[in-house]
Amino acid sequence: MAVKFLSEEWASAMTEALNSSDEFKSAASGQSVKLQQVVTDAPDGETKYYFTLDGGSVDVSLGELPDAEATLTQNYETAVAITKQELNPQNAFMQGKLKISGNMMKLMQLQGVFNAMPKAASAVEVEY
């Protein structure tokens, strides 16, 4: 059953999919990060969710993270394209479609984690 993008069900399904992927857990082992995501102009208005990673375990939840190390901001169209793997996040950043504030160095160190995410998340059927 498909879950609506940026819903509580989506966040829960993403958390479960990432935490049950051996490949993702291997890439995430020993890593930690607290990322805030902001999606402007989403169908239900601006939507915020966060991604926390600690010791190979991840949590994706809706809401604000007061101690985020970095904030990624994009419009809904860009968020969907990145999630569907139609747009590479690095290209989105270079084109000005993805704005990043905070600890850029931390994000660079997590490339292996980010590269393992699409395959792990592919088990989640998303409705956009």
Protein backbone atom coordinates (compact mmCIF):
# COMPACT_ATOMS: atom_id res chain seq x y z
CA MET A 1 0.00 0.00 0.00
CA ALA A 2 1.36 3.41 -0.98
CA VAL A 3 2.08 6.05 1.63
CA LYS A 4 1.59 9.77 0.98
CA PHE A 5 4.89 11.65 0.53
CA LEU A 6 5.79 13.76 3.58
CA SER A 7 3.12 12.14 5.79
CA GLU A 8 3.63 10.51 9.19
CA GLU A 9 3.12 7.13 7.47
CA TRP A 10 5.82 7.98 4.92
CA ALA A 11 8.29 8.97 7.65
CA SER A 12 7.58 5.76 9.56
CA ALA A 13 7.91 3.61 6.41
CA MET A 14 11.20 5.32 5.50
CA THR A 15 12.59 4.75 9.01
CA GLU A 16 11.63 1.07 8.84
CA ALA A 17 13.03 0.57 5.32
CA LEU A 18 16.38 2.20 6.11
CA ASN A 19 16.80 0.40 9.43
CA SER A 20 16.03 -2.98 7.84
CA SER A 21 18.54 -2.58 5.00
CA ASP A 22 21.86 -4.32 5.68
CA GLU A 23 23.56 -2.24 2.99
CA PHE A 24 22.32 1.02 4.52
CA LYS A 25 23.21 -0.08 8.06
CA SER A 26 26.71 -1.01 6.88
CA ALA A 27 27.20 2.43 5.27
CA ALA A 28 25.73 4.18 8.32
CA SER A 29 27.73 2.21 10.90
CA GLY A 30 29.73 4.54 13.13
CA GLN A 31 28.14 7.65 11.59
CA SER A 32 25.95 10.25 13.25
CA VAL A 33 24.12 13.30 11.96
CA LYS A 34 21.06 15.42 12.64
CA LEU A 35 19.55 16.89 9.47
CA GLN A 36 16.54 19.16 9.12
CA GLN A 37 14.66 19.07 5.82
CA VAL A 38 12.33 21.87 4.75
CA VAL A 39 10.04 21.38 1.76
CA THR A 40 8.46 24.62 0.64
CA ASP A 41 5.18 24.79 -1.28
CA ALA A 42 4.17 21.19 -0.44
CA PRO A 43 0.47 20.44 -1.09
CA ASP A 44 -0.27 20.87 2.63
CA GLY A 45 1.96 23.94 2.99
CA GLU A 46 5.59 24.09 4.07
CA THR A 47 6.56 20.72 5.54
CA LYS A 48 9.49 20.05 7.83
CA TYR A 49 10.95 16.67 8.61
CA TYR A 50 14.19 15.49 10.05
CA PHE A 51 16.64 12.66 9.63
CA THR A 52 18.74 11.58 12.58
CA LEU A 53 21.40 8.94 12.36
CA ASP A 54 23.22 7.54 15.37
CA GLY A 55 25.31 4.39 15.45
CA GLY A 56 23.80 2.96 12.28
CA SER A 57 20.20 3.51 13.39
CA VAL A 58 18.06 6.12 11.64
CA ASP A 59 14.90 8.01 12.49
CA VAL A 60 12.84 9.95 9.95
CA SER A 61 10.11 12.06 11.56
CA LEU A 62 7.97 15.06 10.75
CA GLY A 63 8.66 18.26 12.65
CA GLU A 64 11.54 20.47 13.66
CA LEU A 65 14.89 19.46 15.06
CA PRO A 66 16.25 22.25 17.30
CA ASP A 67 19.84 20.97 17.26
CA ALA A 68 20.18 20.14 13.56
CA GLU A 69 23.72 20.16 12.21
CA ALA A 70 22.52 21.16 8.74
CA THR A 71 19.29 22.26 7.09
CA LEU A 72 18.36 21.34 3.53
CA THR A 73 15.65 23.43 1.90
CA GLN A 74 13.96 22.72 -1.43
CA ASN A 75 10.62 23.18 -3.08
CA TYR A 76 8.18 20.28 -3.40
CA GLU A 77 9.01 19.62 -7.07
CA THR A 78 12.72 19.28 -6.24
CA ALA A 79 12.03 17.08 -3.19
CA VAL A 80 9.93 14.72 -5.31
CA ALA A 81 12.53 14.60 -8.10
CA ILE A 82 15.33 13.80 -5.63
CA THR A 83 13.23 11.15 -3.87
CA LYS A 84 12.31 9.52 -7.20
CA GLN A 85 16.00 9.65 -8.21
CA GLU A 86 15.16 11.82 -11.22
CA LEU A 87 17.45 14.57 -9.88
CA ASN A 88 20.82 14.07 -8.24
CA PRO A 89 21.09 16.05 -4.95
CA GLN A 90 24.52 17.42 -5.93
CA ASN A 91 23.10 18.68 -9.24
CA ALA A 92 20.10 20.17 -7.42
CA PHE A 93 22.50 22.04 -5.14
CA MET A 94 24.64 23.27 -8.06
CA GLN A 95 21.48 24.48 -9.86
CA GLY A 96 20.32 26.36 -6.75
CA LYS A 97 17.29 24.10 -6.31
CA LEU A 98 18.60 22.68 -3.03
CA LYS A 99 19.83 25.12 -0.39
CA ILE A 100 22.05 23.93 2.43
CA SER A 101 22.91 25.77 5.61
CA GLY A 102 25.00 24.48 8.47
CA ASN A 103 27.84 21.97 8.51
CA MET A 104 28.60 21.23 4.85
CA MET A 105 31.71 19.26 5.82
CA LYS A 106 29.55 16.82 7.79
CA LEU A 107 27.35 16.24 4.74
CA MET A 108 30.40 15.57 2.57
CA GLN A 109 31.57 12.90 5.03
CA LEU A 110 28.20 11.12 4.75
CA GLN A 111 28.22 10.49 0.99
CA GLY A 112 28.32 6.72 1.48
CA VAL A 113 25.23 6.90 3.68
CA PHE A 114 23.37 9.10 1.19
CA ASN A 115 24.38 6.84 -1.70
CA ALA A 116 22.94 3.79 0.11
CA MET A 117 19.60 5.48 0.84
CA PRO A 118 17.80 5.19 -2.54
CA LYS A 119 18.18 1.41 -2.77
CA ALA A 120 17.11 0.94 0.87
CA ALA A 121 14.13 3.30 0.42
CA SER A 122 13.02 1.67 -2.86
CA ALA A 123 10.92 -0.80 -0.85
CA VAL A 124 8.61 2.04 0.17
CA GLU A 125 5.76 2.67 -2.28
CA VAL A 126 5.16 6.44 -2.26
CA GLU A 127 2.19 8.41 -3.56
CA TYR A 128 3.11 11.94 -4.70
